[in-house]
Amino acid sequence: GLVQPGGSLRLSCASSGSLFSAMSWYRQAPGKQREFVALITSGTFTT
């Protein structure tokens, strides 16, 4: 959605099946390549 600077949002990603052992969020800004944002493993390691 639209949010002011300093604000917060919570994104959700629903899977039709079981999640992969490692799941990531990525983003693509206008005119830029898609980039990695965050990763979580089944063991809840995050980066």
PDB file of all heavy atoms in Angstrom:
ATOM      1  N   GLY A   1       0.818  -1.205   0.000  1.00  0.00           N
ATOM      2  CA  GLY A   1       0.000   0.000   0.000  1.00  0.00           C
ATOM      3  C   GLY A   1       0.844   1.244   0.000  1.00  0.00           C
ATOM      4  O   GLY A   1       2.067   1.186  -0.191  1.00  0.00           O
ATOM      5  N   LEU A   2       0.184   2.370   0.253  1.00  0.00           N
ATOM      6  CA  LEU A   2       0.844   3.665   0.326  1.00  0.00           C
ATOM      7  C   LEU A   2       1.051   4.012   1.796  1.00  0.00           C
ATOM      8  O   LEU A   2       0.102   3.956   2.596  1.00  0.00           O
ATOM      9  CB  LEU A   2      -0.010   4.722  -0.353  1.00  0.00           C
ATOM     10  CG  LEU A   2       0.442   6.180  -0.224  1.00  0.00           C
ATOM     11  CD1 LEU A   2       1.798   6.383  -0.897  1.00  0.00           C
ATOM     12  CD2 LEU A   2      -0.606   7.109  -0.818  1.00  0.00           C
ATOM     13  N   VAL A   3       2.269   4.370   2.142  1.00  0.00           N
ATOM     14  CA  VAL A   3       2.589   4.700   3.533  1.00  0.00           C
ATOM     15  C   VAL A   3       3.545   5.882   3.542  1.00  0.00           C
ATOM     16  O   VAL A   3       4.339   6.058   2.613  1.00  0.00           O
ATOM     17  CB  VAL A   3       3.181   3.468   4.256  1.00  0.00           C
ATOM     18  CG1 VAL A   3       4.491   3.038   3.623  1.00  0.00           C
ATOM     19  CG2 VAL A   3       3.344   3.715   5.735  1.00  0.00           C
ATOM     20  N   GLN A   4       3.455   6.694   4.592  1.00  0.00           N
ATOM     21  CA  GLN A   4       4.356   7.830   4.721  1.00  0.00           C
ATOM     22  C   GLN A   4       5.733   7.380   5.198  1.00  0.00           C
ATOM     23  O   GLN A   4       5.858   6.341   5.862  1.00  0.00           O
ATOM     24  CB  GLN A   4       3.772   8.842   5.702  1.00  0.00           C
ATOM     25  CG  GLN A   4       2.513   9.519   5.206  1.00  0.00           C
ATOM     26  CD  GLN A   4       2.067  10.638   6.139  1.00  0.00           C
ATOM     27  OE1 GLN A   4       2.459  10.690   7.300  1.00  0.00           O
ATOM     28  NE2 GLN A   4       1.235  11.525   5.622  1.00  0.00           N
ATOM     29  N   PRO A   5       6.763   8.146   4.891  1.00  0.00           N
ATOM     30  CA  PRO A   5       8.098   7.821   5.419  1.00  0.00           C
ATOM     31  C   PRO A   5       8.056   7.678   6.931  1.00  0.00           C
ATOM     32  O   PRO A   5       7.395   8.454   7.625  1.00  0.00           O
ATOM     33  CB  PRO A   5       8.942   9.023   4.985  1.00  0.00           C
ATOM     34  CG  PRO A   5       8.268   9.516   3.749  1.00  0.00           C
ATOM     35  CD  PRO A   5       6.798   9.312   3.988  1.00  0.00           C
ATOM     36  N   GLY A   6       8.744   6.648   7.424  1.00  0.00           N
ATOM     37  CA  GLY A   6       8.732   6.354   8.844  1.00  0.00           C
ATOM     38  C   GLY A   6       7.633   5.401   9.263  1.00  0.00           C
ATOM     39  O   GLY A   6       7.625   4.926  10.399  1.00  0.00           O
ATOM     40  N   GLY A   7       6.728   5.102   8.362  1.00  0.00           N
ATOM     41  CA  GLY A   7       5.616   4.222   8.663  1.00  0.00           C
ATOM     42  C   GLY A   7       5.970   2.749   8.570  1.00  0.00           C
ATOM     43  O   GLY A   7       7.125   2.380   8.321  1.00  0.00           O
ATOM     44  N   SER A   8       4.950   1.913   8.769  1.00  0.00           N
ATOM     45  CA  SER A   8       5.138   0.462   8.777  1.00  0.00           C
ATOM     46  C   SER A   8       4.096  -0.226   7.907  1.00  0.00           C
ATOM     47  O   SER A   8       2.991   0.288   7.719  1.00  0.00           O
ATOM     48  CB  SER A   8       5.012  -0.082  10.209  1.00  0.00           C
ATOM     49  OG  SER A   8       6.002   0.441  11.052  1.00  0.00           O
ATOM     50  N   LEU A   9       4.488  -1.380   7.404  1.00  0.00           N
ATOM     51  CA  LEU A   9       3.581  -2.271   6.685  1.00  0.00           C
ATOM     52  C   LEU A   9       3.969  -3.702   7.002  1.00  0.00           C
ATOM     53  O   LEU A   9       5.141  -3.984   7.273  1.00  0.00           O
ATOM     54  CB  LEU A   9       3.664  -2.070   5.167  1.00  0.00           C
ATOM     55  CG  LEU A   9       2.944  -0.880   4.535  1.00  0.00           C
ATOM     56  CD1 LEU A   9       3.283  -0.802   3.052  1.00  0.00           C
ATOM     57  CD2 LEU A   9       1.451  -0.965   4.735  1.00  0.00           C
ATOM     58  N   ARG A  10       2.996  -4.592   6.915  1.00  0.00           N
ATOM     59  CA  ARG A  10       3.263  -6.018   7.071  1.00  0.00           C
ATOM     60  C   ARG A  10       2.783  -6.731   5.815  1.00  0.00           C
ATOM     61  O   ARG A  10       1.586  -6.723   5.522  1.00  0.00           O
ATOM     62  CB  ARG A  10       2.555  -6.581   8.287  1.00  0.00           C
ATOM     63  CG  ARG A  10       2.946  -8.030   8.601  1.00  0.00           C
ATOM     64  CD  ARG A  10       1.969  -8.631   9.586  1.00  0.00           C
ATOM     65  NE  ARG A  10       2.475  -9.864  10.182  1.00  0.00           N
ATOM     66  CZ  ARG A  10       1.691 -10.806  10.687  1.00  0.00           C
ATOM     67  NH1 ARG A  10       0.377 -10.664  10.668  1.00  0.00           N
ATOM     68  NH2 ARG A  10       2.216 -11.899  11.226  1.00  0.00           N
ATOM     69  N   LEU A  11       3.714  -7.332   5.107  1.00  0.00           N
ATOM     70  CA  LEU A  11       3.392  -8.088   3.907  1.00  0.00           C
ATOM     71  C   LEU A  11       3.187  -9.558   4.258  1.00  0.00           C
ATOM     72  O   LEU A  11       3.835 -10.080   5.173  1.00  0.00           O
ATOM     73  CB  LEU A  11       4.504  -7.963   2.873  1.00  0.00           C
ATOM     74  CG  LEU A  11       4.930  -6.556   2.483  1.00  0.00           C
ATOM     75  CD1 LEU A  11       5.991  -6.613   1.381  1.00  0.00           C
ATOM     76  CD2 LEU A  11       3.749  -5.714   2.064  1.00  0.00           C
ATOM     77  N   SER A  12       2.309 -10.203   3.507  1.00  0.00           N
ATOM     78  CA  SER A  12       2.065 -11.632   3.673  1.00  0.00           C
ATOM     79  C   SER A  12       2.275 -12.341   2.344  1.00  0.00           C
ATOM     80  O   SER A  12       2.037 -11.765   1.278  1.00  0.00           O
ATOM     81  CB  SER A  12       0.639 -11.885   4.153  1.00  0.00           C
ATOM     82  OG  SER A  12       0.406 -11.307   5.413  1.00  0.00           O
ATOM     83  N   CYS A  13       2.684 -13.585   2.422  1.00  0.00           N
ATOM     84  CA  CYS A  13       2.870 -14.423   1.237  1.00  0.00           C
ATOM     85  C   CYS A  13       2.253 -15.775   1.551  1.00  0.00           C
ATOM     86  O   CYS A  13       2.796 -16.523   2.379  1.00  0.00           O
ATOM     87  CB  CYS A  13       4.345 -14.558   0.918  1.00  0.00           C
ATOM     88  SG  CYS A  13       4.723 -15.811  -0.324  1.00  0.00           S
ATOM     89  N   ALA A  14       1.144 -16.066   0.910  1.00  0.00           N
ATOM     90  CA  ALA A  14       0.432 -17.316   1.147  1.00  0.00           C
ATOM     91  C   ALA A  14       0.774 -18.329   0.068  1.00  0.00           C
ATOM     92  O   ALA A  14       0.696 -18.016  -1.135  1.00  0.00           O
ATOM     93  CB  ALA A  14      -1.067 -17.062   1.174  1.00  0.00           C
ATOM     94  N   SER A  15       1.121 -19.526   0.491  1.00  0.00           N
ATOM     95  CA  SER A  15       1.469 -20.590  -0.443  1.00  0.00           C
ATOM     96  C   SER A  15       0.302 -21.568  -0.592  1.00  0.00           C
ATOM     97  O   SER A  15      -0.391 -21.869   0.382  1.00  0.00           O
ATOM     98  CB  SER A  15       2.696 -21.345   0.056  1.00  0.00           C
ATOM     99  OG  SER A  15       2.951 -22.475  -0.762  1.00  0.00           O
ATOM    100  N   SER A  16       0.131 -22.091  -1.814  1.00  0.00           N
ATOM    101  CA  SER A  16      -0.922 -23.082  -2.068  1.00  0.00           C
ATOM    102  C   SER A  16      -0.528 -24.456  -1.554  1.00  0.00           C
ATOM    103  O   SER A  16      -1.368 -25.361  -1.475  1.00  0.00           O
ATOM    104  CB  SER A  16      -1.223 -23.154  -3.563  1.00  0.00           C
ATOM    105  OG  SER A  16      -0.069 -23.558  -4.285  1.00  0.00           O
ATOM    106  N   GLY A  17       0.740 -24.616  -1.219  1.00  0.00           N
ATOM    107  CA  GLY A  17       1.231 -25.861  -0.675  1.00  0.00           C
ATOM    108  C   GLY A  17       2.189 -25.583   0.461  1.00  0.00           C
ATOM    109  O   GLY A  17       2.240 -24.468   0.986  1.00  0.00           O
ATOM    110  N   SER A  18       2.956 -26.564   0.822  1.00  0.00           N
ATOM    111  CA  SER A  18       3.930 -26.368   1.891  1.00  0.00           C
ATOM    112  C   SER A  18       4.985 -25.363   1.466  1.00  0.00           C
ATOM    113  O   SER A  18       5.353 -25.276   0.291  1.00  0.00           O
ATOM    114  CB  SER A  18       4.596 -27.695   2.238  1.00  0.00           C
ATOM    115  OG  SER A  18       3.649 -28.612   2.731  1.00  0.00           O
ATOM    116  N   LEU A  19       5.465 -24.598   2.417  1.00  0.00           N
ATOM    117  CA  LEU A  19       6.540 -23.657   2.130  1.00  0.00           C
ATOM    118  C   LEU A  19       7.832 -24.399   1.789  1.00  0.00           C
ATOM    119  O   LEU A  19       8.064 -25.511   2.283  1.00  0.00           O
ATOM    120  CB  LEU A  19       6.777 -22.751   3.334  1.00  0.00           C
ATOM    121  CG  LEU A  19       5.641 -21.804   3.722  1.00  0.00           C
ATOM    122  CD1 LEU A  19       5.969 -21.102   5.040  1.00  0.00           C
ATOM    123  CD2 LEU A  19       5.367 -20.791   2.636  1.00  0.00           C
ATOM    124  N   PHE A  20       8.647 -23.772   0.977  1.00  0.00           N
ATOM    125  CA  PHE A  20       9.985 -24.289   0.735  1.00  0.00           C
ATOM    126  C   PHE A  20      10.798 -24.175   2.016  1.00  0.00           C
ATOM    127  O   PHE A  20      10.516 -23.352   2.877  1.00  0.00           O
ATOM    128  CB  PHE A  20      10.658 -23.518  -0.390  1.00  0.00           C
ATOM    129  CG  PHE A  20      10.006 -23.683  -1.721  1.00  0.00           C
ATOM    130  CD1 PHE A  20       9.259 -22.651  -2.283  1.00  0.00           C
ATOM    131  CD2 PHE A  20      10.139 -24.866  -2.439  1.00  0.00           C
ATOM    132  CE1 PHE A  20       8.648 -22.794  -3.518  1.00  0.00           C
ATOM    133  CE2 PHE A  20       9.531 -25.020  -3.675  1.00  0.00           C
ATOM    134  CZ  PHE A  20       8.785 -23.987  -4.210  1.00  0.00           C
ATOM    135  N   SER A  21      11.853 -24.973   2.132  1.00  0.00           N
ATOM    136  CA  SER A  21      12.669 -24.912   3.348  1.00  0.00           C
ATOM    137  C   SER A  21      13.279 -23.531   3.516  1.00  0.00           C
ATOM    138  O   SER A  21      13.409 -23.037   4.637  1.00  0.00           O
ATOM    139  CB  SER A  21      13.748 -25.988   3.323  1.00  0.00           C
ATOM    140  OG  SER A  21      14.572 -25.853   2.185  1.00  0.00           O
ATOM    141  N   ALA A  22      13.674 -22.904   2.435  1.00  0.00           N
ATOM    142  CA  ALA A  22      14.146 -21.519   2.469  1.00  0.00           C
ATOM    143  C   ALA A  22      13.183 -20.655   1.671  1.00  0.00           C
ATOM    144  O   ALA A  22      12.846 -20.984   0.534  1.00  0.00           O
ATOM    145  CB  ALA A  22      15.544 -21.408   1.889  1.00  0.00           C
ATOM    146  N   MET A  23      12.739 -19.574   2.274  1.00  0.00           N
ATOM    147  CA  MET A  23      11.838 -18.639   1.623  1.00  0.00           C
ATOM    148  C   MET A  23      12.447 -17.245   1.684  1.00  0.00           C
ATOM    149  O   MET A  23      13.089 -16.896   2.673  1.00  0.00           O
ATOM    150  CB  MET A  23      10.470 -18.622   2.311  1.00  0.00           C
ATOM    151  CG  MET A  23       9.686 -19.914   2.196  1.00  0.00           C
ATOM    152  SD  MET A  23       9.124 -20.284   0.522  1.00  0.00           S
ATOM    153  CE  MET A  23       8.081 -18.865   0.170  1.00  0.00           C
ATOM    154  N   SER A  24      12.236 -16.484   0.633  1.00  0.00           N
ATOM    155  CA  SER A  24      12.806 -15.131   0.576  1.00  0.00           C
ATOM    156  C   SER A  24      11.778 -14.121   0.111  1.00  0.00           C
ATOM    157  O   SER A  24      10.818 -14.460  -0.580  1.00  0.00           O
ATOM    158  CB  SER A  24      14.002 -15.098  -0.381  1.00  0.00           C
ATOM    159  OG  SER A  24      15.141 -15.675   0.192  1.00  0.00           O
ATOM    160  N   TRP A  25      12.039 -12.890   0.485  1.00  0.00           N
ATOM    161  CA  TRP A  25      11.369 -11.740  -0.098  1.00  0.00           C
ATOM    162  C   TRP A  25      12.370 -11.040  -1.020  1.00  0.00           C
ATOM    163  O   TRP A  25      13.570 -10.950  -0.704  1.00  0.00           O
ATOM    164  CB  TRP A  25      10.891 -10.772   0.975  1.00  0.00           C
ATOM    165  CG  TRP A  25       9.654 -11.220   1.681  1.00  0.00           C
ATOM    166  CD1 TRP A  25       9.578 -11.906   2.862  1.00  0.00           C
ATOM    167  CD2 TRP A  25       8.306 -11.029   1.257  1.00  0.00           C
ATOM    168  NE1 TRP A  25       8.268 -12.154   3.182  1.00  0.00           N
ATOM    169  CE2 TRP A  25       7.465 -11.619   2.215  1.00  0.00           C
ATOM    170  CE3 TRP A  25       7.710 -10.409   0.155  1.00  0.00           C
ATOM    171  CZ2 TRP A  25       6.070 -11.606   2.112  1.00  0.00           C
ATOM    172  CZ3 TRP A  25       6.338 -10.393   0.039  1.00  0.00           C
ATOM    173  CH2 TRP A  25       5.524 -10.985   1.023  1.00  0.00           C
ATOM    174  N   TYR A  26      11.837 -10.548  -2.129  1.00  0.00           N
ATOM    175  CA  TYR A  26      12.608  -9.800  -3.107  1.00  0.00           C
ATOM    176  C   TYR A  26      11.818  -8.535  -3.438  1.00  0.00           C
ATOM    177  O   TYR A  26      10.636  -8.440  -3.133  1.00  0.00           O
ATOM    178  CB  TYR A  26      12.807 -10.614  -4.393  1.00  0.00           C
ATOM    179  CG  TYR A  26      13.422 -11.975  -4.203  1.00  0.00           C
ATOM    180  CD1 TYR A  26      12.633 -13.071  -3.856  1.00  0.00           C
ATOM    181  CD2 TYR A  26      14.787 -12.176  -4.382  1.00  0.00           C
ATOM    182  CE1 TYR A  26      13.193 -14.323  -3.682  1.00  0.00           C
ATOM    183  CE2 TYR A  26      15.356 -13.431  -4.218  1.00  0.00           C
ATOM    184  CZ  TYR A  26      14.548 -14.498  -3.871  1.00  0.00           C
ATOM    185  OH  TYR A  26      15.107 -15.749  -3.698  1.00  0.00           O
ATOM    186  N   ARG A  27      12.468  -7.583  -4.088  1.00  0.00           N
ATOM    187  CA  ARG A  27      11.745  -6.392  -4.522  1.00  0.00           C
ATOM    188  C   ARG A  27      12.335  -5.860  -5.824  1.00  0.00           C
ATOM    189  O   ARG A  27      13.507  -6.105  -6.128  1.00  0.00           O
ATOM    190  CB  ARG A  27      11.767  -5.305  -3.451  1.00  0.00           C
ATOM    191  CG  ARG A  27      13.135  -4.712  -3.181  1.00  0.00           C
ATOM    192  CD  ARG A  27      13.051  -3.735  -2.006  1.00  0.00           C
ATOM    193  NE  ARG A  27      14.338  -3.113  -1.732  1.00  0.00           N
ATOM    194  CZ  ARG A  27      14.574  -2.325  -0.687  1.00  0.00           C
ATOM    195  NH1 ARG A  27      13.594  -2.062   0.192  1.00  0.00           N
ATOM    196  NH2 ARG A  27      15.761  -1.789  -0.521  1.00  0.00           N
ATOM    197  N   GLN A  28      11.500  -5.153  -6.551  1.00  0.00           N
ATOM    198  CA  GLN A  28      11.942  -4.526  -7.791  1.00  0.00           C
ATOM    199  C   GLN A  28      11.398  -3.112  -7.848  1.00  0.00           C
ATOM    200  O   GLN A  28      10.177  -2.911  -7.907  1.00  0.00           O
ATOM    201  CB  GLN A  28      11.497  -5.327  -9.010  1.00  0.00           C
ATOM    202  CG  GLN A  28      12.070  -4.790 -10.317  1.00  0.00           C
ATOM    203  CD  GLN A  28      11.877  -5.742 -11.475  1.00  0.00           C
ATOM    204  OE1 GLN A  28      11.001  -6.614 -11.447  1.00  0.00           O
ATOM    205  NE2 GLN A  28      12.703  -5.595 -12.501  1.00  0.00           N
ATOM    206  N   ALA A  29      12.313  -2.177  -7.822  1.00  0.00           N
ATOM    207  CA  ALA A  29      11.949  -0.760  -7.920  1.00  0.00           C
ATOM    208  C   ALA A  29      11.878  -0.359  -9.384  1.00  0.00           C
ATOM    209  O   ALA A  29      12.492  -1.007 -10.237  1.00  0.00           O
ATOM    210  CB  ALA A  29      12.973   0.091  -7.184  1.00  0.00           C
ATOM    211  N   PRO A  30      11.147   0.706  -9.701  1.00  0.00           N
ATOM    212  CA  PRO A  30      11.040   1.141 -11.097  1.00  0.00           C
ATOM    213  C   PRO A  30      12.407   1.383 -11.721  1.00  0.00           C
ATOM    214  O   PRO A  30      13.251   2.079 -11.141  1.00  0.00           O
ATOM    215  CB  PRO A  30      10.246   2.446 -10.991  1.00  0.00           C
ATOM    216  CG  PRO A  30       9.464   2.310  -9.731  1.00  0.00           C
ATOM    217  CD  PRO A  30      10.350   1.532  -8.792  1.00  0.00           C
ATOM    218  N   GLY A  31      12.629   0.778 -12.872  1.00  0.00           N
ATOM    219  CA  GLY A  31      13.871   0.984 -13.597  1.00  0.00           C
ATOM    220  C   GLY A  31      15.071   0.242 -13.040  1.00  0.00           C
ATOM    221  O   GLY A  31      16.197   0.427 -13.516  1.00  0.00           O
ATOM    222  N   LYS A  32      14.845  -0.614 -12.049  1.00  0.00           N
ATOM    223  CA  LYS A  32      15.952  -1.351 -11.430  1.00  0.00           C
ATOM    224  C   LYS A  32      15.730  -2.850 -11.520  1.00  0.00           C
ATOM    225  O   LYS A  32      14.611  -3.316 -11.740  1.00  0.00           O
ATOM    226  CB  LYS A  32      16.112  -0.931  -9.971  1.00  0.00           C
ATOM    227  CG  LYS A  32      16.518   0.516  -9.797  1.00  0.00           C
ATOM    228  CD  LYS A  32      16.853   0.819  -8.357  1.00  0.00           C
ATOM    229  CE  LYS A  32      17.332   2.248  -8.182  1.00  0.00           C
ATOM    230  NZ  LYS A  32      17.692   2.557  -6.771  1.00  0.00           N
ATOM    231  N   GLN A  33      16.794  -3.603 -11.311  1.00  0.00           N
ATOM    232  CA  GLN A  33      16.687  -5.056 -11.304  1.00  0.00           C
ATOM    233  C   GLN A  33      16.070  -5.532  -9.991  1.00  0.00           C
ATOM    234  O   GLN A  33      16.160  -4.863  -8.959  1.00  0.00           O
ATOM    235  CB  GLN A  33      18.071  -5.682 -11.482  1.00  0.00           C
ATOM    236  CG  GLN A  33      18.652  -5.503 -12.869  1.00  0.00           C
ATOM    237  CD  GLN A  33      19.913  -6.325 -13.082  1.00  0.00           C
ATOM    238  OE1 GLN A  33      20.649  -6.611 -12.151  1.00  0.00           O
ATOM    239  NE2 GLN A  33      20.154  -6.717 -14.328  1.00  0.00           N
ATOM    240  N   ARG A  34      15.459  -6.695 -10.068  1.00  0.00           N
ATOM    241  CA  ARG A  34      14.923  -7.310  -8.859  1.00  0.00           C
ATOM    242  C   ARG A  34      16.077  -7.637  -7.908  1.00  0.00           C
ATOM    243  O   ARG A  34      17.140  -8.083  -8.346  1.00  0.00           O
ATOM    244  CB  ARG A  34      14.165  -8.588  -9.223  1.00  0.00           C
ATOM    245  CG  ARG A  34      13.140  -8.985  -8.195  1.00  0.00           C
ATOM    246  CD  ARG A  34      12.326 -10.190  -8.604  1.00  0.00           C
ATOM    247  NE  ARG A  34      12.131 -10.357 -10.016  1.00  0.00           N
ATOM    248  CZ  ARG A  34      10.934 -10.279 -10.621  1.00  0.00           C
ATOM    249  NH1 ARG A  34       9.861 -10.011  -9.902  1.00  0.00           N
ATOM    250  NH2 ARG A  34      10.826 -10.491 -11.913  1.00  0.00           N
ATOM    251  N   GLU A  35      15.862  -7.414  -6.615  1.00  0.00           N
ATOM    252  CA  GLU A  35      16.934  -7.639  -5.658  1.00  0.00           C
ATOM    253  C   GLU A  35      16.426  -8.405  -4.447  1.00  0.00           C
ATOM    254  O   GLU A  35      15.246  -8.365  -4.098  1.00  0.00           O
ATOM    255  CB  GLU A  35      17.526  -6.298  -5.206  1.00  0.00           C
ATOM    256  CG  GLU A  35      16.572  -5.405  -4.452  1.00  0.00           C
ATOM    257  CD  GLU A  35      17.225  -4.110  -3.959  1.00  0.00           C
ATOM    258  OE1 GLU A  35      18.404  -3.857  -4.269  1.00  0.00           O
ATOM    259  OE2 GLU A  35      16.545  -3.347  -3.246  1.00  0.00           O
ATOM    260  N   PHE A  36      17.354  -9.067  -3.800  1.00  0.00           N
ATOM    261  CA  PHE A  36      17.084  -9.810  -2.576  1.00  0.00           C
ATOM    262  C   PHE A  36      16.812  -8.852  -1.432  1.00  0.00           C
ATOM    263  O   PHE A  36      17.471  -7.822  -1.297  1.00  0.00           O
ATOM    264  CB  PHE A  36      18.285 -10.698  -2.254  1.00  0.00           C
ATOM    265  CG  PHE A  36      18.289 -11.262  -0.869  1.00  0.00           C
ATOM    266  CD1 PHE A  36      17.543 -12.380  -0.561  1.00  0.00           C
ATOM    267  CD2 PHE A  36      19.048 -10.675   0.126  1.00  0.00           C
ATOM    268  CE1 PHE A  36      17.547 -12.908   0.722  1.00  0.00           C
ATOM    269  CE2 PHE A  36      19.061 -11.190   1.413  1.00  0.00           C
ATOM    270  CZ  PHE A  36      18.315 -12.308   1.712  1.00  0.00           C
ATOM    271  N   VAL A  37      15.833  -9.214  -0.574  1.00  0.00           N
ATOM    272  CA  VAL A  37      15.522  -8.413   0.602  1.00  0.00           C
ATOM    273  C   VAL A  37      15.793  -9.196   1.887  1.00  0.00           C
ATOM    274  O   VAL A  37      16.489  -8.713   2.775  1.00  0.00           O
ATOM    275  CB  VAL A  37      14.049  -7.956   0.580  1.00  0.00           C
ATOM    276  CG1 VAL A  37      13.676  -7.244   1.879  1.00  0.00           C
ATOM    277  CG2 VAL A  37      13.782  -7.060  -0.623  1.00  0.00           C
ATOM    278  N   ALA A  38      15.236 -10.402   1.990  1.00  0.00           N
ATOM    279  CA  ALA A  38      15.361 -11.164   3.237  1.00  0.00           C
ATOM    280  C   ALA A  38      15.124 -12.637   2.962  1.00  0.00           C
ATOM    281  O   ALA A  38      14.433 -12.999   2.020  1.00  0.00           O
ATOM    282  CB  ALA A  38      14.372 -10.658   4.283  1.00  0.00           C
ATOM    283  N   LEU A  39      15.700 -13.480   3.822  1.00  0.00           N
ATOM    284  CA  LEU A  39      15.558 -14.932   3.709  1.00  0.00           C
ATOM    285  C   LEU A  39      15.312 -15.532   5.072  1.00  0.00           C
ATOM    286  O   LEU A  39      15.847 -15.050   6.078  1.00  0.00           O
ATOM    287  CB  LEU A  39      16.818 -15.537   3.102  1.00  0.00           C
ATOM    288  CG  LEU A  39      16.925 -17.081   3.039  1.00  0.00           C
ATOM    289  CD1 LEU A  39      17.633 -17.512   1.764  1.00  0.00           C
ATOM    290  CD2 LEU A  39      17.643 -17.626   4.258  1.00  0.00           C
ATOM    291  N   ILE A  40      14.511 -16.595   5.097  1.00  0.00           N
ATOM    292  CA  ILE A  40      14.304 -17.361   6.323  1.00  0.00           C
ATOM    293  C   ILE A  40      14.321 -18.841   5.966  1.00  0.00           C
ATOM    294  O   ILE A  40      13.760 -19.265   4.962  1.00  0.00           O
ATOM    295  CB  ILE A  40      12.983 -16.970   7.023  1.00  0.00           C
ATOM    296  CG1 ILE A  40      12.864 -17.678   8.364  1.00  0.00           C
ATOM    297  CG2 ILE A  40      11.764 -17.239   6.132  1.00  0.00           C
ATOM    298  CD1 ILE A  40      11.774 -17.095   9.267  1.00  0.00           C
ATOM    299  N   THR A  41      14.984 -19.639   6.789  1.00  0.00           N
ATOM    300  CA  THR A  41      15.022 -21.080   6.579  1.00  0.00           C
ATOM    301  C   THR A  41      13.987 -21.761   7.476  1.00  0.00           C
ATOM    302  O   THR A  41      13.392 -21.139   8.357  1.00  0.00           O
ATOM    303  CB  THR A  41      16.405 -21.643   6.893  1.00  0.00           C
ATOM    304  OG1 THR A  41      16.629 -21.532   8.305  1.00  0.00           O
ATOM    305  CG2 THR A  41      17.486 -20.908   6.131  1.00  0.00           C
ATOM    306  N   SER A  42      13.846 -23.054   7.259  1.00  0.00           N
ATOM    307  CA  SER A  42      12.900 -23.816   8.076  1.00  0.00           C
ATOM    308  C   SER A  42      13.335 -23.849   9.528  1.00  0.00           C
ATOM    309  O   SER A  42      12.516 -24.017  10.430  1.00  0.00           O
ATOM    310  CB  SER A  42      12.742 -25.235   7.537  1.00  0.00           C
ATOM    311  OG  SER A  42      14.006 -25.876   7.463  1.00  0.00           O
ATOM    312  N   GLY A  43      14.632 -23.668   9.740  1.00  0.00           N
ATOM    313  CA  GLY A  43      15.147 -23.605  11.097  1.00  0.00           C
ATOM    314  C   GLY A  43      15.101 -22.210  11.680  1.00  0.00           C
ATOM    315  O   GLY A  43      15.653 -21.964  12.743  1.00  0.00           O
ATOM    316  N   THR A  44      14.457 -21.311  10.975  1.00  0.00           N
ATOM    317  CA  THR A  44      14.253 -19.898  11.352  1.00  0.00           C
ATOM    318  C   THR A  44      15.529 -19.068  11.369  1.00  0.00           C
ATOM    319  O   THR A  44      15.577 -18.008  11.974  1.00  0.00           O
ATOM    320  CB  THR A  44      13.484 -19.745  12.687  1.00  0.00           C
ATOM    321  OG1 THR A  44      14.297 -20.216  13.757  1.00  0.00           O
ATOM    322  CG2 THR A  44      12.167 -20.486  12.644  1.00  0.00           C
ATOM    323  N   PHE A  45      16.571 -19.541  10.708  1.00  0.00           N
ATOM    324  CA  PHE A  45      17.724 -18.657  10.442  1.00  0.00           C
ATOM    325  C   PHE A  45      17.259 -17.566   9.494  1.00  0.00           C
ATOM    326  O   PHE A  45      16.507 -17.827   8.555  1.00  0.00           O
ATOM    327  CB  PHE A  45      18.852 -19.462   9.796  1.00  0.00           C
ATOM    328  CG  PHE A  45      19.940 -18.606   9.209  1.00  0.00           C
ATOM    329  CD1 PHE A  45      20.936 -18.082  10.015  1.00  0.00           C
ATOM    330  CD2 PHE A  45      19.956 -18.299   7.852  1.00  0.00           C
ATOM    331  CE1 PHE A  45      21.939 -17.283   9.483  1.00  0.00           C
ATOM    332  CE2 PHE A  45      20.949 -17.507   7.304  1.00  0.00           C
ATOM    333  CZ  PHE A  45      21.945 -16.999   8.126  1.00  0.00           C
ATOM    334  N   THR A  46      17.692 -16.337   9.748  1.00  0.00           N
ATOM    335  CA  THR A  46      17.313 -15.225   8.883  1.00  0.00           C
ATOM    336  C   THR A  46      18.530 -14.430   8.451  1.00  0.00           C
ATOM    337  O   THR A  46      19.542 -14.385   9.168  1.00  0.00           O
ATOM    338  CB  THR A  46      16.333 -14.279   9.589  1.00  0.00           C
ATOM    339  OG1 THR A  46      16.945 -13.763  10.777  1.00  0.00           O
ATOM    340  CG2 THR A  46      15.032 -14.974   9.938  1.00  0.00           C
ATOM    341  N   THR A  47      18.425 -13.811   7.283  1.00  0.00           N
ATOM    342  CA  THR A  47      19.454 -12.905   6.821  1.00  0.00           C
ATOM    343  C   THR A  47      18.790 -11.838   5.970  1.00  0.00           C
ATOM    344  O   THR A  47      17.726 -12.071   5.388  1.00  0.00           O
ATOM    345  CB  THR A  47      20.556 -13.642   6.037  1.00  0.00           C
ATOM    346  OG1 THR A  47      21.629 -12.751   5.776  1.00  0.00           O
ATOM    347  CG2 THR A  47      20.033 -14.204   4.727  1.00  0.00           C
TER     348      THR A  47
END
